[in-house]
Structure formats: structure tokens, C-alpha cells
Amino acid sequence: METEPETLACILHAWVYDDVMKTTVVQVRDVPVDVVATLKARADARGESLAAFLRNLLAQEASMPPIEDVMAGIEAREPFYLAAEDLRAFREDGRP
């Protein structure tokens, strides 16, 4: 029995993805219907499946440092002060 090329491609993709990407299943319960509809619409607008859209959204969130770390970094910085004339000069130079 000969296997179709499309089937072989799917099997190869699943094998490589599982081997390279080490994934697991995440299930989220009790998501409001309107929230799912909005997420599906956003995924469709990007030409993605809902699963791919959510996977990318979760990966983006996981790649960002926790807000506590960001705030601690800001707090650890040396404070600086500007005089009113410095601010006026920035504005006149076109700097925000």
C-alpha cells in the first residue's frame, strides 16, 4: 500500500515539530463565547488558525519579563533631574 505524499508530509511535519518544538497541550475552560469569537476573528484576519494565533500570543507573553522585574530594574536606576530650561531646549530642538 502506497502512502500519499500529502500524508507523508503531515507525518513528517508532526514528527519534526514534536521533536524540535517539545510541546504540550493546554486547555482553557470557561472562556466566554464573545471572547473566543473575537480571537477567531483576529486569527482569521491574520490568515492563521485559532490554535496558531493563541500559540503565538502565549509565546509572546512568555518571552516578556514579568512586570515585577521591569519595575525593579526601573527602581534600581540612578535618578536624574532636568531643569525647566533643559525641557524647553528639548522642545525647541524638536525632541519629544
N, C-alpha and C. Protein backbone atom coordinates (compact mmCIF):
# COMPACT_ATOMS: atom_id res chain seq x y z
N MET A 1 0.84 -1.18 0.00
CA MET A 1 0.00 0.00 0.00
C MET A 1 0.89 1.24 0.00
N GLU A 2 0.63 2.12 -0.94
CA GLU A 2 1.43 3.32 -1.09
C GLU A 2 0.77 4.49 -0.35
N THR A 3 1.59 5.26 0.36
CA THR A 3 1.09 6.40 1.11
C THR A 3 1.15 7.65 0.25
N GLU A 4 0.09 8.45 0.31
CA GLU A 4 0.01 9.70 -0.46
C GLU A 4 1.09 10.69 0.02
N PRO A 5 1.63 11.49 -0.88
CA PRO A 5 2.66 12.48 -0.49
C PRO A 5 2.16 13.45 0.58
N GLU A 6 0.88 13.85 0.49
CA GLU A 6 0.34 14.78 1.48
C GLU A 6 0.35 14.15 2.88
N THR A 7 0.03 12.86 2.93
CA THR A 7 0.02 12.15 4.21
C THR A 7 1.43 12.06 4.77
N LEU A 8 2.38 11.76 3.89
CA LEU A 8 3.77 11.68 4.33
C LEU A 8 4.26 13.04 4.84
N ALA A 9 3.85 14.11 4.16
CA ALA A 9 4.24 15.46 4.60
C ALA A 9 3.68 15.76 5.97
N CYS A 10 2.42 15.38 6.21
CA CYS A 10 1.80 15.61 7.52
C CYS A 10 2.52 14.82 8.61
N ILE A 11 2.84 13.58 8.31
CA ILE A 11 3.53 12.74 9.29
C ILE A 11 4.91 13.31 9.58
N LEU A 12 5.64 13.71 8.54
CA LEU A 12 6.97 14.28 8.72
C LEU A 12 6.90 15.58 9.51
N HIS A 13 5.93 16.43 9.17
CA HIS A 13 5.78 17.69 9.90
C HIS A 13 5.51 17.43 11.37
N ALA A 14 4.61 16.53 11.68
CA ALA A 14 4.28 16.21 13.07
C ALA A 14 5.50 15.65 13.80
N TRP A 15 6.24 14.81 13.14
CA TRP A 15 7.42 14.20 13.76
C TRP A 15 8.49 15.25 14.04
N VAL A 16 8.78 16.10 13.05
CA VAL A 16 9.80 17.13 13.21
C VAL A 16 9.35 18.16 14.24
N TYR A 17 8.09 18.59 14.15
CA TYR A 17 7.59 19.60 15.08
C TYR A 17 7.66 19.09 16.51
N ASP A 18 7.23 17.87 16.73
CA ASP A 18 7.27 17.30 18.08
C ASP A 18 8.69 17.14 18.57
N ASP A 19 9.60 16.76 17.68
CA ASP A 19 10.99 16.55 18.08
C ASP A 19 11.70 17.87 18.36
N VAL A 20 11.44 18.88 17.56
CA VAL A 20 12.14 20.15 17.68
C VAL A 20 11.48 21.07 18.68
N MET A 21 10.16 21.13 18.68
CA MET A 21 9.44 22.13 19.45
C MET A 21 9.01 21.70 20.84
N LYS A 22 9.13 20.46 21.20
CA LYS A 22 8.75 19.97 22.54
C LYS A 22 7.53 20.73 23.07
N THR A 23 6.37 20.25 22.73
CA THR A 23 5.14 20.94 23.08
C THR A 23 4.30 20.11 24.03
N THR A 24 3.27 20.74 24.56
CA THR A 24 2.30 20.08 25.40
C THR A 24 0.93 20.68 25.09
N VAL A 25 -0.10 20.09 25.59
CA VAL A 25 -1.46 20.57 25.37
C VAL A 25 -1.88 21.44 26.55
N VAL A 26 -2.47 22.59 26.24
CA VAL A 26 -3.01 23.48 27.27
C VAL A 26 -4.50 23.64 26.98
N GLN A 27 -5.31 23.41 27.98
CA GLN A 27 -6.76 23.56 27.81
C GLN A 27 -7.24 24.66 28.73
N VAL A 28 -8.01 25.58 28.19
CA VAL A 28 -8.54 26.69 28.97
C VAL A 28 -10.06 26.54 29.02
N ARG A 29 -10.58 26.48 30.21
CA ARG A 29 -12.03 26.31 30.40
C ARG A 29 -12.70 27.64 30.67
N ASP A 30 -14.01 27.65 30.44
CA ASP A 30 -14.87 28.77 30.80
C ASP A 30 -14.49 30.10 30.13
N VAL A 31 -14.08 30.02 28.88
CA VAL A 31 -13.79 31.23 28.12
C VAL A 31 -15.11 31.72 27.52
N PRO A 32 -15.48 32.97 27.76
CA PRO A 32 -16.74 33.48 27.22
C PRO A 32 -16.80 33.36 25.69
N VAL A 33 -17.99 33.08 25.18
CA VAL A 33 -18.19 32.87 23.75
C VAL A 33 -17.76 34.11 22.95
N ASP A 34 -18.06 35.29 23.44
CA ASP A 34 -17.69 36.50 22.70
C ASP A 34 -16.18 36.70 22.65
N VAL A 35 -15.48 36.25 23.68
CA VAL A 35 -14.01 36.34 23.67
C VAL A 35 -13.44 35.39 22.61
N VAL A 36 -13.96 34.18 22.55
CA VAL A 36 -13.49 33.22 21.54
C VAL A 36 -13.81 33.74 20.14
N ALA A 37 -14.98 34.32 19.95
CA ALA A 37 -15.34 34.86 18.64
C ALA A 37 -14.39 35.98 18.23
N THR A 38 -14.03 36.84 19.15
CA THR A 38 -13.09 37.93 18.86
C THR A 38 -11.72 37.37 18.50
N LEU A 39 -11.25 36.39 19.26
CA LEU A 39 -9.95 35.79 18.96
C LEU A 39 -9.95 35.07 17.62
N LYS A 40 -11.04 34.37 17.30
CA LYS A 40 -11.15 33.70 16.00
C LYS A 40 -11.11 34.73 14.87
N ALA A 41 -11.81 35.85 15.05
CA ALA A 41 -11.82 36.89 14.03
C ALA A 41 -10.41 37.47 13.83
N ARG A 42 -9.70 37.68 14.91
CA ARG A 42 -8.33 38.20 14.81
C ARG A 42 -7.41 37.20 14.13
N ALA A 43 -7.59 35.92 14.45
CA ALA A 43 -6.79 34.88 13.80
C ALA A 43 -7.10 34.84 12.31
N ASP A 44 -8.38 34.88 11.96
CA ASP A 44 -8.78 34.87 10.55
C ASP A 44 -8.20 36.06 9.80
N ALA A 45 -8.22 37.23 10.44
CA ALA A 45 -7.69 38.43 9.80
C ALA A 45 -6.20 38.31 9.49
N ARG A 46 -5.50 37.50 10.25
CA ARG A 46 -4.06 37.28 10.03
C ARG A 46 -3.80 36.05 9.17
N GLY A 47 -4.87 35.35 8.80
CA GLY A 47 -4.70 34.14 7.99
C GLY A 47 -4.16 32.98 8.80
N GLU A 48 -4.44 32.98 10.11
CA GLU A 48 -3.95 31.93 11.00
C GLU A 48 -5.12 31.13 11.56
N SER A 49 -4.82 29.93 11.98
CA SER A 49 -5.81 29.16 12.73
C SER A 49 -5.89 29.75 14.13
N LEU A 50 -6.98 29.46 14.82
CA LEU A 50 -7.09 29.92 16.20
C LEU A 50 -5.97 29.34 17.05
N ALA A 51 -5.63 28.08 16.82
CA ALA A 51 -4.56 27.44 17.60
C ALA A 51 -3.22 28.15 17.37
N ALA A 52 -2.91 28.46 16.12
CA ALA A 52 -1.64 29.14 15.82
C ALA A 52 -1.63 30.54 16.42
N PHE A 53 -2.76 31.24 16.32
CA PHE A 53 -2.86 32.59 16.87
C PHE A 53 -2.63 32.57 18.38
N LEU A 54 -3.30 31.64 19.07
CA LEU A 54 -3.15 31.55 20.53
C LEU A 54 -1.76 31.10 20.92
N ARG A 55 -1.18 30.18 20.15
CA ARG A 55 0.19 29.72 20.43
C ARG A 55 1.15 30.89 20.34
N ASN A 56 1.01 31.72 19.31
CA ASN A 56 1.89 32.89 19.15
C ASN A 56 1.66 33.91 20.26
N LEU A 57 0.39 34.10 20.64
CA LEU A 57 0.07 35.03 21.72
C LEU A 57 0.70 34.57 23.03
N LEU A 58 0.61 33.29 23.33
CA LEU A 58 1.21 32.75 24.55
C LEU A 58 2.73 32.84 24.51
N ALA A 59 3.32 32.55 23.35
CA ALA A 59 4.78 32.63 23.22
C ALA A 59 5.26 34.07 23.41
N GLN A 60 4.49 35.02 22.86
CA GLN A 60 4.86 36.44 23.01
C GLN A 60 4.80 36.83 24.49
N GLU A 61 3.76 36.44 25.17
CA GLU A 61 3.62 36.76 26.60
C GLU A 61 4.75 36.13 27.40
N ALA A 62 5.08 34.87 27.10
CA ALA A 62 6.13 34.17 27.84
C ALA A 62 7.51 34.75 27.58
N SER A 63 7.68 35.41 26.44
CA SER A 63 9.01 35.98 26.12
C SER A 63 9.27 37.29 26.83
N MET A 64 8.25 37.89 27.40
CA MET A 64 8.41 39.17 28.07
C MET A 64 8.73 38.97 29.55
N PRO A 65 9.58 39.84 30.10
CA PRO A 65 9.90 39.70 31.53
C PRO A 65 8.68 40.03 32.39
N PRO A 66 8.59 39.43 33.56
CA PRO A 66 7.48 39.78 34.47
C PRO A 66 7.54 41.26 34.83
N ILE A 67 6.39 41.86 35.03
CA ILE A 67 6.31 43.29 35.33
C ILE A 67 7.10 43.63 36.60
N GLU A 68 7.15 42.69 37.54
CA GLU A 68 7.92 42.93 38.77
C GLU A 68 9.40 43.13 38.46
N ASP A 69 9.93 42.36 37.50
CA ASP A 69 11.33 42.52 37.12
C ASP A 69 11.56 43.86 36.42
N VAL A 70 10.62 44.24 35.56
CA VAL A 70 10.74 45.53 34.87
C VAL A 70 10.74 46.67 35.87
N MET A 71 9.79 46.62 36.80
CA MET A 71 9.69 47.69 37.79
C MET A 71 10.91 47.73 38.70
N ALA A 72 11.44 46.56 39.07
CA ALA A 72 12.64 46.51 39.91
C ALA A 72 13.83 47.11 39.16
N GLY A 73 13.93 46.86 37.86
CA GLY A 73 15.01 47.44 37.06
C GLY A 73 14.91 48.95 36.98
N ILE A 74 13.69 49.44 36.84
CA ILE A 74 13.48 50.90 36.80
C ILE A 74 13.84 51.52 38.14
N GLU A 75 13.41 50.87 39.20
CA GLU A 75 13.67 51.39 40.55
C GLU A 75 15.17 51.41 40.86
N ALA A 76 15.92 50.46 40.30
CA ALA A 76 17.36 50.37 40.58
C ALA A 76 18.18 51.42 39.81
N ARG A 77 17.59 52.05 38.82
CA ARG A 77 18.31 53.05 38.04
C ARG A 77 18.61 54.29 38.87
N GLU A 78 19.67 54.93 38.49
CA GLU A 78 20.05 56.19 39.14
C GLU A 78 19.09 57.28 38.66
N PRO A 79 18.46 57.99 39.57
CA PRO A 79 17.53 59.04 39.13
C PRO A 79 18.28 60.20 38.48
N PHE A 80 17.60 60.90 37.60
CA PHE A 80 18.20 62.09 37.01
C PHE A 80 17.15 63.20 37.00
N TYR A 81 17.62 64.40 36.99
CA TYR A 81 16.73 65.56 37.09
C TYR A 81 17.04 66.51 35.94
N LEU A 82 15.99 67.13 35.44
CA LEU A 82 16.15 68.12 34.38
C LEU A 82 15.57 69.44 34.85
N ALA A 83 16.25 70.49 34.48
CA ALA A 83 15.75 71.83 34.78
C ALA A 83 14.74 72.22 33.71
N ALA A 84 13.90 73.19 34.04
CA ALA A 84 12.88 73.65 33.10
C ALA A 84 13.51 74.12 31.78
N GLU A 85 14.66 74.75 31.86
CA GLU A 85 15.31 75.24 30.63
C GLU A 85 15.78 74.08 29.74
N ASP A 86 16.16 72.95 30.36
CA ASP A 86 16.52 71.77 29.57
C ASP A 86 15.31 71.25 28.80
N LEU A 87 14.17 71.22 29.46
CA LEU A 87 12.95 70.74 28.82
C LEU A 87 12.54 71.66 27.67
N ARG A 88 12.65 72.96 27.88
CA ARG A 88 12.34 73.92 26.82
C ARG A 88 13.28 73.72 25.63
N ALA A 89 14.55 73.50 25.90
CA ALA A 89 15.54 73.29 24.84
C ALA A 89 15.21 72.01 24.05
N PHE A 90 14.82 70.98 24.75
CA PHE A 90 14.43 69.73 24.06
C PHE A 90 13.25 69.99 23.12
N ARG A 91 12.26 70.72 23.62
CA ARG A 91 11.07 71.01 22.82
C ARG A 91 11.44 71.85 21.61
N GLU A 92 12.28 72.83 21.79
CA GLU A 92 12.69 73.70 20.68
C GLU A 92 13.50 72.93 19.65
N ASP A 93 14.26 71.93 20.10
CA ASP A 93 15.06 71.11 19.18
C ASP A 93 14.19 70.07 18.47
N GLY A 94 12.91 69.99 18.87
CA GLY A 94 12.03 69.01 18.26
C GLY A 94 12.09 67.64 18.89
N ARG A 95 12.73 67.55 20.04
CA ARG A 95 12.80 66.26 20.73
C ARG A 95 11.56 66.09 21.61
N PRO A 96 11.02 64.88 21.65
CA PRO A 96 9.83 64.64 22.49
C PRO A 96 10.14 64.66 23.97
